[in-house]
Amino acid sequence: MPSVDLNSDLGEGFGTYRCGDDDAMLAIVTSANVACGLHAGDPEVMARTFAIARERVGQRLVARQVGAHEARQIVEGAADLPALDQLFDRHEPLLESLLVAEPLERDRWEQVPAGEGRREHPERRRIIARDRVLAWAVVGNTYLWFLAALLQFVIVIYGHDVLRVDEAQISYLQAAVGIGIGVGSLTAGYLSRGKIEYRFVPLGAIGMTLFGFLVSRHGLGIWPVRSDLAMLGFFGGFYAVPLNALIQHRPAREQKGGVIAAANLLSFVGVFLAAGMYFLFASVAHLQPDQIFMAGAIMTLGATLYTVLLLPDSKAGT
């Protein structure tokens, strides 16, 4: 019977700052990634999150997998954050009891292979590069993050300078994209019927291109912009679902953690590139927000050609 792994990132607070309700989430999710520092989390928060998980084991525990949300420092010449070392030094008995000691916990929790350290990044990239289908998925996923970040930059300026609306209305424009992605992802997942549908990737790219061009038209009111952005997000969901499924399904089990970590890293590379691209468009080329929407649509047309020309045979993903 088909099942869904409901996953959540947890343990992301630091100091007195609380981020989310880890206790409540551990009663809902079937797997969890505990932050390991740098981007979020600190030793005390990580330990508290594991302690909550341990307490849940003896109660009505739903979660059955706990893994590490790795975010080690990857900038050359910079020191690794010692948060993980501190955590294991100070709370080793608690962590061992989670994964080894008590039979009940051992039956209910599975230790998920984690990604390796900074020195393993070149090997991860080689694994991706050697697998044409996996590389196709990772490149496509990186572009999606690039486009999404670029849209977020443009929407804010478009709302202020073109639509002349306040921050609340701008947030609704951003929400339209997010809602569209959610509905599109659910629809793609339902239509996939337990398979990885490669054809949804070019379909999603074509839809994003079309509505990217439509939202760049002059003289639009706020409701046409909302609907165009929602539909752009909807097709973004179609684009994203098979790519993310491939990234999780394609690698060998012992390589999954490292490959997913590398794909996540490249996603944020896409976000950083989007910031640079926006600067070039807005400050160097002096493009207006609607013109940047147009430029994004043209780039997405190129992404569409990429997905169609290099579309793998669906049998390659099985």
C-alpha atoms as a PDB file:
ATOM      1  CA  MET A   1       0.000   0.000   0.000  1.00  0.00           C
ATOM      2  CA  PRO A   2       1.478   3.422  -0.918  1.00  0.00           C
ATOM      3  CA  SER A   3       2.659   5.519   2.022  1.00  0.00           C
ATOM      4  CA  VAL A   4       3.975   9.044   2.526  1.00  0.00           C
ATOM      5  CA  ASP A   5       6.985   9.942   4.650  1.00  0.00           C
ATOM      6  CA  LEU A   6       6.011  13.169   6.444  1.00  0.00           C
ATOM      7  CA  ASN A   7       9.365  14.798   7.201  1.00  0.00           C
ATOM      8  CA  SER A   8      10.305  17.921   9.130  1.00  0.00           C
ATOM      9  CA  ASP A   9      13.457  19.863  10.003  1.00  0.00           C
ATOM     10  CA  LEU A  10      13.667  20.214  13.786  1.00  0.00           C
ATOM     11  CA  GLY A  11      15.981  21.594  16.456  1.00  0.00           C
ATOM     12  CA  GLU A  12      16.504  24.879  14.615  1.00  0.00           C
ATOM     13  CA  GLY A  13      16.300  27.263  17.537  1.00  0.00           C
ATOM     14  CA  PHE A  14      19.395  28.713  19.218  1.00  0.00           C
ATOM     15  CA  GLY A  15      19.927  30.247  22.635  1.00  0.00           C
ATOM     16  CA  THR A  16      16.646  31.719  23.859  1.00  0.00           C
ATOM     17  CA  TYR A  17      15.269  31.915  20.302  1.00  0.00           C
ATOM     18  CA  ARG A  18      12.629  29.268  19.667  1.00  0.00           C
ATOM     19  CA  CYS A  19      11.919  28.118  16.114  1.00  0.00           C
ATOM     20  CA  GLY A  20       8.848  25.931  15.773  1.00  0.00           C
ATOM     21  CA  ASP A  21       7.285  23.433  18.183  1.00  0.00           C
ATOM     22  CA  ASP A  22       9.495  20.330  18.101  1.00  0.00           C
ATOM     23  CA  ASP A  23       7.353  18.501  20.659  1.00  0.00           C
ATOM     24  CA  ALA A  24       4.189  18.895  18.589  1.00  0.00           C
ATOM     25  CA  MET A  25       5.922  18.046  15.321  1.00  0.00           C
ATOM     26  CA  LEU A  26       7.371  14.799  16.691  1.00  0.00           C
ATOM     27  CA  ALA A  27       3.819  13.619  17.322  1.00  0.00           C
ATOM     28  CA  ILE A  28       2.967  14.126  13.649  1.00  0.00           C
ATOM     29  CA  VAL A  29       5.948  13.353  11.437  1.00  0.00           C
ATOM     30  CA  THR A  30       7.261   9.935  10.430  1.00  0.00           C
ATOM     31  CA  SER A  31      10.869  11.147  10.134  1.00  0.00           C
ATOM     32  CA  ALA A  32      12.835  14.151  11.322  1.00  0.00           C
ATOM     33  CA  ASN A  33      16.093  15.949  10.521  1.00  0.00           C
ATOM     34  CA  VAL A  34      17.746  17.583  13.526  1.00  0.00           C
ATOM     35  CA  ALA A  35      19.775  20.702  12.708  1.00  0.00           C
ATOM     36  CA  CYS A  36      23.516  20.369  13.320  1.00  0.00           C
ATOM     37  CA  GLY A  37      24.546  23.993  13.658  1.00  0.00           C
ATOM     38  CA  LEU A  38      25.816  26.754  11.334  1.00  0.00           C
ATOM     39  CA  HIS A  39      22.480  27.391   9.624  1.00  0.00           C
ATOM     40  CA  ALA A  40      20.384  26.637  12.725  1.00  0.00           C
ATOM     41  CA  GLY A  41      20.480  24.925  16.093  1.00  0.00           C
ATOM     42  CA  ASP A  42      22.982  24.822  18.938  1.00  0.00           C
ATOM     43  CA  PRO A  43      24.147  21.979  21.250  1.00  0.00           C
ATOM     44  CA  GLU A  44      21.497  22.614  23.914  1.00  0.00           C
ATOM     45  CA  VAL A  45      18.637  22.829  21.406  1.00  0.00           C
ATOM     46  CA  MET A  46      19.837  19.699  19.606  1.00  0.00           C
ATOM     47  CA  ALA A  47      20.036  17.788  22.890  1.00  0.00           C
ATOM     48  CA  ARG A  48      16.593  19.007  23.939  1.00  0.00           C
ATOM     49  CA  THR A  49      15.123  17.880  20.607  1.00  0.00           C
ATOM     50  CA  PHE A  50      16.591  14.385  21.015  1.00  0.00           C
ATOM     51  CA  ALA A  51      15.318  14.313  24.605  1.00  0.00           C
ATOM     52  CA  ILE A  52      11.793  15.113  23.413  1.00  0.00           C
ATOM     53  CA  ALA A  53      12.107  12.345  20.823  1.00  0.00           C
ATOM     54  CA  ARG A  54      13.218   9.898  23.506  1.00  0.00           C
ATOM     55  CA  GLU A  55      10.268  10.817  25.713  1.00  0.00           C
ATOM     56  CA  ARG A  56       7.887  10.349  22.802  1.00  0.00           C
ATOM     57  CA  VAL A  57       9.129   6.787  22.288  1.00  0.00           C
ATOM     58  CA  GLY A  58       7.408   5.675  25.460  1.00  0.00           C
ATOM     59  CA  GLN A  59       4.238   7.570  24.590  1.00  0.00           C
ATOM     60  CA  ARG A  60       2.285   7.863  21.369  1.00  0.00           C
ATOM     61  CA  LEU A  61       5.296   8.160  19.065  1.00  0.00           C
ATOM     62  CA  VAL A  62       4.682   8.422  15.342  1.00  0.00           C
ATOM     63  CA  ALA A  63       8.162   9.400  14.161  1.00  0.00           C
ATOM     64  CA  ARG A  64      10.421   6.412  13.469  1.00  0.00           C
ATOM     65  CA  GLN A  65      13.529   7.962  11.872  1.00  0.00           C
ATOM     66  CA  VAL A  66      15.846  10.674  13.142  1.00  0.00           C
ATOM     67  CA  GLY A  67      18.668  11.899  10.960  1.00  0.00           C
ATOM     68  CA  ALA A  68      21.118  14.770  10.978  1.00  0.00           C
ATOM     69  CA  HIS A  69      20.395  17.939   8.995  1.00  0.00           C
ATOM     70  CA  GLU A  70      24.017  18.557   8.095  1.00  0.00           C
ATOM     71  CA  ALA A  71      25.205  22.099   7.526  1.00  0.00           C
ATOM     72  CA  ARG A  72      28.944  21.979   8.112  1.00  0.00           C
ATOM     73  CA  GLN A  73      31.035  24.965   7.104  1.00  0.00           C
ATOM     74  CA  ILE A  74      32.051  24.457   3.479  1.00  0.00           C
ATOM     75  CA  VAL A  75      33.885  27.695   2.786  1.00  0.00           C
ATOM     76  CA  GLU A  76      37.534  26.890   2.204  1.00  0.00           C
ATOM     77  CA  GLY A  77      39.790  28.171   4.966  1.00  0.00           C
ATOM     78  CA  ALA A  78      36.972  28.483   7.511  1.00  0.00           C
ATOM     79  CA  ALA A  79      36.815  26.296  10.580  1.00  0.00           C
ATOM     80  CA  ASP A  80      34.083  23.724  11.036  1.00  0.00           C
ATOM     81  CA  LEU A  81      31.475  24.638  13.613  1.00  0.00           C
ATOM     82  CA  PRO A  82      32.108  22.453  16.709  1.00  0.00           C
ATOM     83  CA  ALA A  83      28.420  22.132  17.598  1.00  0.00           C
ATOM     84  CA  LEU A  84      28.203  18.433  16.768  1.00  0.00           C
ATOM     85  CA  ASP A  85      31.373  17.650  18.708  1.00  0.00           C
ATOM     86  CA  GLN A  86      30.053  19.547  21.725  1.00  0.00           C
ATOM     87  CA  LEU A  87      26.737  17.751  21.473  1.00  0.00           C
ATOM     88  CA  PHE A  88      28.265  14.277  21.435  1.00  0.00           C
ATOM     89  CA  ASP A  89      30.812  15.119  24.140  1.00  0.00           C
ATOM     90  CA  ARG A  90      28.174  16.461  26.525  1.00  0.00           C
ATOM     91  CA  HIS A  91      25.205  14.242  25.713  1.00  0.00           C
ATOM     92  CA  GLU A  92      26.728  10.979  24.495  1.00  0.00           C
ATOM     93  CA  PRO A  93      24.748   8.765  26.924  1.00  0.00           C
ATOM     94  CA  LEU A  94      21.457  10.286  25.804  1.00  0.00           C
ATOM     95  CA  LEU A  95      22.225   9.845  22.121  1.00  0.00           C
ATOM     96  CA  GLU A  96      23.432   6.283  22.614  1.00  0.00           C
ATOM     97  CA  SER A  97      20.228   5.448  24.483  1.00  0.00           C
ATOM     98  CA  LEU A  98      18.224   6.756  21.552  1.00  0.00           C
ATOM     99  CA  LEU A  99      19.801   4.509  18.954  1.00  0.00           C
ATOM    100  CA  VAL A 100      21.311   1.573  20.843  1.00  0.00           C
ATOM    101  CA  ALA A 101      20.316   0.890  24.420  1.00  0.00           C
ATOM    102  CA  GLU A 102      16.609   0.322  24.989  1.00  0.00           C
ATOM    103  CA  PRO A 103      14.847  -2.450  22.999  1.00  0.00           C
ATOM    104  CA  LEU A 104      11.677  -0.381  22.558  1.00  0.00           C
ATOM    105  CA  GLU A 105      13.614   2.485  21.056  1.00  0.00           C
ATOM    106  CA  ARG A 106      15.688   0.168  18.907  1.00  0.00           C
ATOM    107  CA  ASP A 107      12.499  -1.354  17.487  1.00  0.00           C
ATOM    108  CA  ARG A 108      10.855   1.973  16.782  1.00  0.00           C
ATOM    109  CA  TRP A 109      13.759   4.118  15.547  1.00  0.00           C
ATOM    110  CA  GLU A 110      16.026   3.574  12.580  1.00  0.00           C
ATOM    111  CA  GLN A 111      19.418   5.217  12.239  1.00  0.00           C
ATOM    112  CA  VAL A 112      19.501   7.000   8.884  1.00  0.00           C
ATOM    113  CA  PRO A 113      22.846   7.221   7.046  1.00  0.00           C
ATOM    114  CA  ALA A 114      24.059  10.796   7.412  1.00  0.00           C
ATOM    115  CA  GLY A 115      26.071  12.894   4.998  1.00  0.00           C
ATOM    116  CA  GLU A 116      29.838  13.096   5.452  1.00  0.00           C
ATOM    117  CA  GLY A 117      32.000  16.094   6.142  1.00  0.00           C
ATOM    118  CA  ARG A 118      33.415  18.807   3.930  1.00  0.00           C
ATOM    119  CA  ARG A 119      36.082  16.607   2.340  1.00  0.00           C
ATOM    120  CA  GLU A 120      33.416  14.354   0.828  1.00  0.00           C
ATOM    121  CA  HIS A 121      31.817  17.093  -1.318  1.00  0.00           C
ATOM    122  CA  PRO A 122      33.996  16.372  -4.410  1.00  0.00           C
ATOM    123  CA  GLU A 123      33.019  12.689  -4.258  1.00  0.00           C
ATOM    124  CA  ARG A 124      29.343  13.607  -3.993  1.00  0.00           C
ATOM    125  CA  ARG A 125      29.648  15.772  -7.073  1.00  0.00           C
ATOM    126  CA  ARG A 126      31.339  12.913  -8.945  1.00  0.00           C
ATOM    127  CA  ILE A 127      28.507  10.559  -7.990  1.00  0.00           C
ATOM    128  CA  ILE A 128      25.996  13.037  -9.400  1.00  0.00           C
ATOM    129  CA  ALA A 129      28.032  13.742 -12.537  1.00  0.00           C
ATOM    130  CA  ARG A 130      28.444  10.038 -13.370  1.00  0.00           C
ATOM    131  CA  ASP A 131      24.680   9.435 -13.327  1.00  0.00           C
ATOM    132  CA  ARG A 132      23.070  11.336 -16.224  1.00  0.00           C
ATOM    133  CA  VAL A 133      19.543  11.004 -14.832  1.00  0.00           C
ATOM    134  CA  LEU A 134      20.588  12.171 -11.368  1.00  0.00           C
ATOM    135  CA  ALA A 135      22.596  15.070 -12.821  1.00  0.00           C
ATOM    136  CA  TRP A 136      19.565  16.062 -14.929  1.00  0.00           C
ATOM    137  CA  ALA A 137      17.421  16.139 -11.785  1.00  0.00           C
ATOM    138  CA  VAL A 138      19.942  18.082  -9.680  1.00  0.00           C
ATOM    139  CA  VAL A 139      20.503  20.733 -12.377  1.00  0.00           C
ATOM    140  CA  GLY A 140      16.751  21.112 -12.832  1.00  0.00           C
ATOM    141  CA  ASN A 141      16.177  21.404  -9.088  1.00  0.00           C
ATOM    142  CA  THR A 142      18.936  24.007  -8.772  1.00  0.00           C
ATOM    143  CA  TYR A 143      17.323  26.075 -11.511  1.00  0.00           C
ATOM    144  CA  LEU A 144      13.958  25.911  -9.746  1.00  0.00           C
ATOM    145  CA  TRP A 145      15.486  27.365  -6.574  1.00  0.00           C
ATOM    146  CA  PHE A 146      17.213  30.018  -8.674  1.00  0.00           C
ATOM    147  CA  LEU A 147      13.933  31.013 -10.325  1.00  0.00           C
ATOM    148  CA  ALA A 148      11.970  30.961  -7.075  1.00  0.00           C
ATOM    149  CA  ALA A 149      14.488  33.250  -5.369  1.00  0.00           C
ATOM    150  CA  LEU A 150      14.549  35.610  -8.350  1.00  0.00           C
ATOM    151  CA  LEU A 151      10.742  35.793  -8.284  1.00  0.00           C
ATOM    152  CA  GLN A 152      10.737  36.653  -4.587  1.00  0.00           C
ATOM    153  CA  PHE A 153      13.110  39.551  -5.196  1.00  0.00           C
ATOM    154  CA  VAL A 154      11.088  40.848  -8.136  1.00  0.00           C
ATOM    155  CA  ILE A 155       7.658  40.480  -6.511  1.00  0.00           C
ATOM    156  CA  VAL A 156       8.576  42.870  -3.700  1.00  0.00           C
ATOM    157  CA  ILE A 157       9.779  45.604  -6.060  1.00  0.00           C
ATOM    158  CA  TYR A 158       6.956  44.941  -8.530  1.00  0.00           C
ATOM    159  CA  GLY A 159       4.383  45.392  -5.768  1.00  0.00           C
ATOM    160  CA  HIS A 160       5.935  48.639  -4.547  1.00  0.00           C
ATOM    161  CA  ASP A 161       6.867  50.289  -7.859  1.00  0.00           C
ATOM    162  CA  VAL A 162       4.348  48.936 -10.367  1.00  0.00           C
ATOM    163  CA  LEU A 163       1.204  47.920  -8.481  1.00  0.00           C
ATOM    164  CA  ARG A 164       1.706  50.550  -5.746  1.00  0.00           C
ATOM    165  CA  VAL A 165       0.418  48.251  -2.993  1.00  0.00           C
ATOM    166  CA  ASP A 166       1.439  47.872   0.637  1.00  0.00           C
ATOM    167  CA  GLU A 167       3.460  45.122   2.285  1.00  0.00           C
ATOM    168  CA  ALA A 168       0.365  43.076   3.139  1.00  0.00           C
ATOM    169  CA  GLN A 169      -0.705  42.903  -0.501  1.00  0.00           C
ATOM    170  CA  ILE A 170       2.848  42.027  -1.531  1.00  0.00           C
ATOM    171  CA  SER A 171       2.837  39.162   0.959  1.00  0.00           C
ATOM    172  CA  TYR A 172      -0.372  37.900  -0.684  1.00  0.00           C
ATOM    173  CA  LEU A 173       1.409  37.896  -4.040  1.00  0.00           C
ATOM    174  CA  GLN A 174       4.201  35.807  -2.535  1.00  0.00           C
ATOM    175  CA  ALA A 175       1.638  33.558  -0.887  1.00  0.00           C
ATOM    176  CA  ALA A 176      -0.025  33.014  -4.277  1.00  0.00           C
ATOM    177  CA  VAL A 177       3.201  31.466  -5.557  1.00  0.00           C
ATOM    178  CA  GLY A 178       3.536  29.266  -2.479  1.00  0.00           C
ATOM    179  CA  ILE A 179      -0.073  28.094  -2.597  1.00  0.00           C
ATOM    180  CA  GLY A 180       0.298  27.359  -6.292  1.00  0.00           C
ATOM    181  CA  ILE A 181       3.409  25.252  -5.647  1.00  0.00           C
ATOM    182  CA  GLY A 182       1.610  23.326  -2.905  1.00  0.00           C
ATOM    183  CA  VAL A 183      -1.467  22.585  -5.006  1.00  0.00           C
ATOM    184  CA  GLY A 184       0.681  21.737  -8.036  1.00  0.00           C
ATOM    185  CA  SER A 185       2.828  19.375  -5.981  1.00  0.00           C
ATOM    186  CA  LEU A 186      -0.208  17.596  -4.541  1.00  0.00           C
ATOM    187  CA  THR A 187      -1.746  17.285  -7.998  1.00  0.00           C
ATOM    188  CA  ALA A 188       1.478  15.957  -9.504  1.00  0.00           C
ATOM    189  CA  GLY A 189       1.850  13.466  -6.663  1.00  0.00           C
ATOM    190  CA  TYR A 190      -1.720  12.226  -7.123  1.00  0.00           C
ATOM    191  CA  LEU A 191      -1.391  11.905 -10.904  1.00  0.00           C
ATOM    192  CA  SER A 192       1.964  10.111 -10.572  1.00  0.00           C
ATOM    193  CA  ARG A 193       0.239   7.164  -8.808  1.00  0.00           C
ATOM    194  CA  GLY A 194       3.370   6.013  -7.042  1.00  0.00           C
ATOM    195  CA  LYS A 195       5.698   6.423 -10.033  1.00  0.00           C
ATOM    196  CA  ILE A 196       8.245   9.079 -11.018  1.00  0.00           C
ATOM    197  CA  GLU A 197       6.656  10.831 -13.993  1.00  0.00           C
ATOM    198  CA  TYR A 198       9.496  12.374 -15.992  1.00  0.00           C
ATOM    199  CA  ARG A 199       7.011  13.996 -18.370  1.00  0.00           C
ATOM    200  CA  PHE A 200       5.815  16.326 -15.614  1.00  0.00           C
ATOM    201  CA  VAL A 201       9.170  18.139 -15.673  1.00  0.00           C
ATOM    202  CA  PRO A 202       8.895  19.593 -19.210  1.00  0.00           C
ATOM    203  CA  LEU A 203       5.156  20.121 -18.652  1.00  0.00           C
ATOM    204  CA  GLY A 204       5.934  22.155 -15.544  1.00  0.00           C
ATOM    205  CA  ALA A 205       8.683  24.081 -17.334  1.00  0.00           C
ATOM    206  CA  ILE A 206       6.332  24.958 -20.213  1.00  0.00           C
ATOM    207  CA  GLY A 207       3.704  26.180 -17.741  1.00  0.00           C
ATOM    208  CA  MET A 208       6.215  28.284 -15.805  1.00  0.00           C
ATOM    209  CA  THR A 209       7.427  29.799 -19.066  1.00  0.00           C
ATOM    210  CA  LEU A 210       3.896  30.633 -20.238  1.00  0.00           C
ATOM    211  CA  PHE A 211       2.791  32.283 -17.014  1.00  0.00           C
ATOM    212  CA  GLY A 212       6.152  34.006 -16.661  1.00  0.00           C
ATOM    213  CA  PHE A 213       5.445  35.738 -19.958  1.00  0.00           C
ATOM    214  CA  LEU A 214       1.835  36.480 -18.943  1.00  0.00           C
ATOM    215  CA  VAL A 215       2.781  38.126 -15.639  1.00  0.00           C
ATOM    216  CA  SER A 216       5.270  40.376 -17.464  1.00  0.00           C
ATOM    217  CA  ARG A 217       2.495  42.146 -19.439  1.00  0.00           C
ATOM    218  CA  HIS A 218       1.995  45.866 -18.898  1.00  0.00           C
ATOM    219  CA  GLY A 219      -1.032  47.315 -17.121  1.00  0.00           C
ATOM    220  CA  LEU A 220      -2.090  44.287 -15.090  1.00  0.00           C
ATOM    221  CA  GLY A 221      -4.191  44.703 -11.976  1.00  0.00           C
ATOM    222  CA  ILE A 222      -3.412  42.912  -8.736  1.00  0.00           C
ATOM    223  CA  TRP A 223      -5.832  40.016  -9.292  1.00  0.00           C
ATOM    224  CA  PRO A 224      -4.460  39.048 -12.733  1.00  0.00           C
ATOM    225  CA  VAL A 225      -0.963  39.194 -11.225  1.00  0.00           C
ATOM    226  CA  ARG A 226      -2.046  36.966  -8.340  1.00  0.00           C
ATOM    227  CA  SER A 227      -3.615  34.419 -10.662  1.00  0.00           C
ATOM    228  CA  ASP A 228      -0.612  34.385 -13.017  1.00  0.00           C
ATOM    229  CA  LEU A 229       1.784  33.924 -10.090  1.00  0.00           C
ATOM    230  CA  ALA A 230      -0.400  31.184  -8.609  1.00  0.00           C
ATOM    231  CA  MET A 231      -0.426  29.318 -11.916  1.00  0.00           C
ATOM    232  CA  LEU A 232       3.326  29.807 -12.287  1.00  0.00           C
ATOM    233  CA  GLY A 233       3.699  28.217  -8.843  1.00  0.00           C
ATOM    234  CA  PHE A 234       1.264  25.438  -9.763  1.00  0.00           C
ATOM    235  CA  PHE A 235       3.397  24.378 -12.708  1.00  0.00           C
ATOM    236  CA  GLY A 236       6.459  24.798 -10.513  1.00  0.00           C
ATOM    237  CA  GLY A 237       5.000  22.039  -8.352  1.00  0.00           C
ATOM    238  CA  PHE A 238       4.682  19.789 -11.388  1.00  0.00           C
ATOM    239  CA  TYR A 239       8.301  20.590 -12.232  1.00  0.00           C
ATOM    240  CA  ALA A 240       9.594  19.963  -8.709  1.00  0.00           C
ATOM    241  CA  VAL A 241       7.930  16.700  -7.673  1.00  0.00           C
ATOM    242  CA  PRO A 242       9.635  14.257 -10.073  1.00  0.00           C
ATOM    243  CA  LEU A 243      13.002  15.999  -9.717  1.00  0.00           C
ATOM    244  CA  ASN A 244      12.982  15.731  -5.935  1.00  0.00           C
ATOM    245  CA  ALA A 245      11.728  12.156  -6.135  1.00  0.00           C
ATOM    246  CA  LEU A 246      14.642  11.281  -8.410  1.00  0.00           C
ATOM    247  CA  ILE A 247      17.190  12.928  -6.101  1.00  0.00           C
ATOM    248  CA  GLN A 248      15.892  10.823  -3.207  1.00  0.00           C
ATOM    249  CA  HIS A 249      15.274   7.601  -5.152  1.00  0.00           C
ATOM    250  CA  ARG A 250      18.196   7.399  -7.555  1.00  0.00           C
ATOM    251  CA  PRO A 251      21.338   7.123  -5.342  1.00  0.00           C
ATOM    252  CA  ALA A 252      22.352   3.905  -3.617  1.00  0.00           C
ATOM    253  CA  ARG A 253      21.248   3.761   0.011  1.00  0.00           C
ATOM    254  CA  GLU A 254      24.730   4.410   1.395  1.00  0.00           C
ATOM    255  CA  GLN A 255      25.055   7.460  -0.884  1.00  0.00           C
ATOM    256  CA  LYS A 256      21.635   9.034  -0.306  1.00  0.00           C
ATOM    257  CA  GLY A 257      22.637  11.284   2.581  1.00  0.00           C
ATOM    258  CA  GLY A 258      25.642  12.705   0.752  1.00  0.00           C
ATOM    259  CA  VAL A 259      23.834  13.173  -2.569  1.00  0.00           C
ATOM    260  CA  ILE A 260      20.848  14.893  -0.950  1.00  0.00           C
ATOM    261  CA  ALA A 261      23.226  17.148   1.006  1.00  0.00           C
ATOM    262  CA  ALA A 262      25.045  18.069  -2.216  1.00  0.00           C
ATOM    263  CA  ALA A 263      21.741  18.774  -3.979  1.00  0.00           C
ATOM    264  CA  ASN A 264      20.659  21.002  -1.081  1.00  0.00           C
ATOM    265  CA  LEU A 265      23.955  22.864  -1.245  1.00  0.00           C
ATOM    266  CA  LEU A 266      23.504  23.441  -4.971  1.00  0.00           C
ATOM    267  CA  SER A 267      19.970  24.691  -4.310  1.00  0.00           C
ATOM    268  CA  PHE A 268      21.410  27.469  -2.181  1.00  0.00           C
ATOM    269  CA  VAL A 269      24.018  28.151  -4.837  1.00  0.00           C
ATOM    270  CA  GLY A 270      21.020  28.770  -7.107  1.00  0.00           C
ATOM    271  CA  VAL A 271      19.594  31.207  -4.551  1.00  0.00           C
ATOM    272  CA  PHE A 272      22.895  33.123  -4.351  1.00  0.00           C
ATOM    273  CA  LEU A 273      23.094  33.243  -8.152  1.00  0.00           C
ATOM    274  CA  ALA A 274      19.565  34.653  -8.216  1.00  0.00           C
ATOM    275  CA  ALA A 275      20.656  37.499  -5.953  1.00  0.00           C
ATOM    276  CA  GLY A 276      23.544  38.270  -8.286  1.00  0.00           C
ATOM    277  CA  MET A 277      21.328  38.018 -11.352  1.00  0.00           C
ATOM    278  CA  TYR A 278      18.786  40.395  -9.836  1.00  0.00           C
ATOM    279  CA  PHE A 279      21.559  42.885  -9.157  1.00  0.00           C
ATOM    280  CA  LEU A 280      22.693  42.670 -12.791  1.00  0.00           C
ATOM    281  CA  PHE A 281      19.159  43.072 -14.106  1.00  0.00           C
ATOM    282  CA  ALA A 282      18.099  45.901 -11.789  1.00  0.00           C
ATOM    283  CA  SER A 283      21.298  47.860 -11.125  1.00  0.00           C
ATOM    284  CA  VAL A 284      23.458  47.208 -14.175  1.00  0.00           C
ATOM    285  CA  ALA A 285      20.944  46.684 -17.003  1.00  0.00           C
ATOM    286  CA  HIS A 286      18.341  48.957 -15.296  1.00  0.00           C
ATOM    287  CA  LEU A 287      15.451  46.646 -16.153  1.00  0.00           C
ATOM    288  CA  GLN A 288      12.012  47.362 -14.726  1.00  0.00           C
ATOM    289  CA  PRO A 289      10.326  44.659 -12.601  1.00  0.00           C
ATOM    290  CA  ASP A 290       8.032  43.542 -15.434  1.00  0.00           C
ATOM    291  CA  GLN A 291      11.056  43.283 -17.709  1.00  0.00           C
ATOM    292  CA  ILE A 292      12.782  41.072 -15.132  1.00  0.00           C
ATOM    293  CA  PHE A 293       9.701  38.838 -15.147  1.00  0.00           C
ATOM    294  CA  MET A 294      10.153  38.653 -18.920  1.00  0.00           C
ATOM    295  CA  ALA A 295      13.840  37.809 -18.547  1.00  0.00           C
ATOM    296  CA  GLY A 296      12.929  35.053 -16.095  1.00  0.00           C
ATOM    297  CA  ALA A 297      10.445  33.637 -18.590  1.00  0.00           C
ATOM    298  CA  ILE A 298      13.101  33.626 -21.314  1.00  0.00           C
ATOM    299  CA  MET A 299      15.535  31.804 -19.030  1.00  0.00           C
ATOM    300  CA  THR A 300      12.817  29.313 -18.151  1.00  0.00           C
ATOM    301  CA  LEU A 301      12.234  28.750 -21.866  1.00  0.00           C
ATOM    302  CA  GLY A 302      15.882  27.729 -22.014  1.00  0.00           C
ATOM    303  CA  ALA A 303      15.319  25.425 -19.028  1.00  0.00           C
ATOM    304  CA  THR A 304      12.347  23.928 -20.884  1.00  0.00           C
ATOM    305  CA  LEU A 305      14.533  23.126 -23.873  1.00  0.00           C
ATOM    306  CA  TYR A 306      17.091  21.577 -21.518  1.00  0.00           C
ATOM    307  CA  THR A 307      14.501  19.327 -19.876  1.00  0.00           C
ATOM    308  CA  VAL A 308      13.016  18.241 -23.209  1.00  0.00           C
ATOM    309  CA  LEU A 309      16.286  17.607 -25.049  1.00  0.00           C
ATOM    310  CA  LEU A 310      17.838  15.691 -22.151  1.00  0.00           C
ATOM    311  CA  LEU A 311      14.631  14.062 -20.882  1.00  0.00           C
ATOM    312  CA  PRO A 312      15.632  10.568 -19.672  1.00  0.00           C
ATOM    313  CA  ASP A 313      13.780   7.415 -20.572  1.00  0.00           C
ATOM    314  CA  SER A 314      11.417   6.716 -17.687  1.00  0.00           C
ATOM    315  CA  LYS A 315      12.850   3.200 -17.460  1.00  0.00           C
ATOM    316  CA  ALA A 316      16.198   4.734 -16.487  1.00  0.00           C
ATOM    317  CA  GLY A 317      14.783   5.830 -13.158  1.00  0.00           C
ATOM    318  CA  THR A 318      13.504   2.439 -12.064  1.00  0.00           C
END
